[in-house]
């Protein structure tokens, strides 16, 4: 009974820490709008500003995952929360783009908290309950929605500089709460993953790279859209910052809240079934979202022009965005169900690798959004890009899971550290 209470407590306090970290990580998605206006940034520069924190949060997922396997999630998470509060506070005093970019690189480390919390929480639960626990913890991405509500209110009342100051204080307070309520990591120093060289050898496993591709669009797409949508709603529909952030929450809120559902579904129906269907749901949503606003002229038999204006109304657009958020959230949970089942002794390392690649997707996509918007000059072009990436994911899933073609090879099963995973799937 006490062990169960301890597991639930660790899950809840670690999830709260991840919520705060994710809100901080997405901070520039809202504060970047007044900063863009203040500095006169173009779409590419704005994309770079919003993407910079995602870069370090992605690159450090692998080393922090390894350190978590060795030092324990409790210690690593506490140090991370305290250390990141400093650049977050200092960003309130930045006045030039290069200052924002440098501080963004530093504060972006909070994004690596996912690869710390994932193995830490997983070690307190059995394999049968791990998918649901991972879904609950992964629901910390709801921090993106929290940012959409908190940041606009602070900007409206006190200016954008108040946001990083409040977030820095929240990080320190969360660090204290986490240390008081969390428990020592039962896997500290006892992981069978071996040396750093052996852990990095997992990079040779083609199955790991398949999950990286899934996560690059599921998590990378979620992260990129979370920081981009407030600006999108403001540009496409003319809403204020507060209104745009509220509508953007239609995407980021279900992206967190429904991740637990994705974990439960993955436990019940299997990681493959959930991943397959959420990719299809995302594919359909992105196809519709890709449709640009345009005017159509049709000439009648009398040679008279008929003018039609075709555009997605904001309520329909927001509804599609909601469904897309649910799909991405469920897919993120099912991807880590794969990892927990197939690499139980290297969860920290593998989740770090997959999380790093997914985060890099979240870094590159906003920059690509800015570049494609500069080139094509219409907002829905960003969804065309995502549509193409999801198509690749569906094709890969079809070949390796539905058709069971040896694209990933028998070697992938042999290289798993779980004996059960080495057996070919029925």
Foldseek 3Di string as FASTA:
>chain_A
DVLVVQLVLQLVLLLLLLLLLLLLLLQCLQLVVVVCVLAVDALLLSLLLRQLLLQLLQVCLQVLLVVCLAANLLVSSLVLLLQLLVLLLVCLVDDDSVSSNVSSNSNSVSSSSLLSSLLQSQQSDDLLCSLLSNLLSQLSLLSLLVSLQPQVVCCVPPRNSVVSVVSSVVSNVSSVVSNVRHDTRPSHRPFPCDDPVSLCCCVVQLVLVLLLLLLQLLLLVLLQLSSHQLVVCCVVVVDDSSVSSNLSSLQRNLLNVLLSVLSVCCSVPNLLVLLLVLLVLLLVLLVVLLDFWDKDWDADPVRDIDIDTDDDPSVNNSVSSNSNSNSSSSNVSSSLSVLCVQAVSSSSNSCSNSSSSNSVSNSVLSSVQSVVCVVPVTNSVSSVVSSVSSVVSNVVSCCCPVVVPQPSHLVSQVPTPDVVSNDDDD
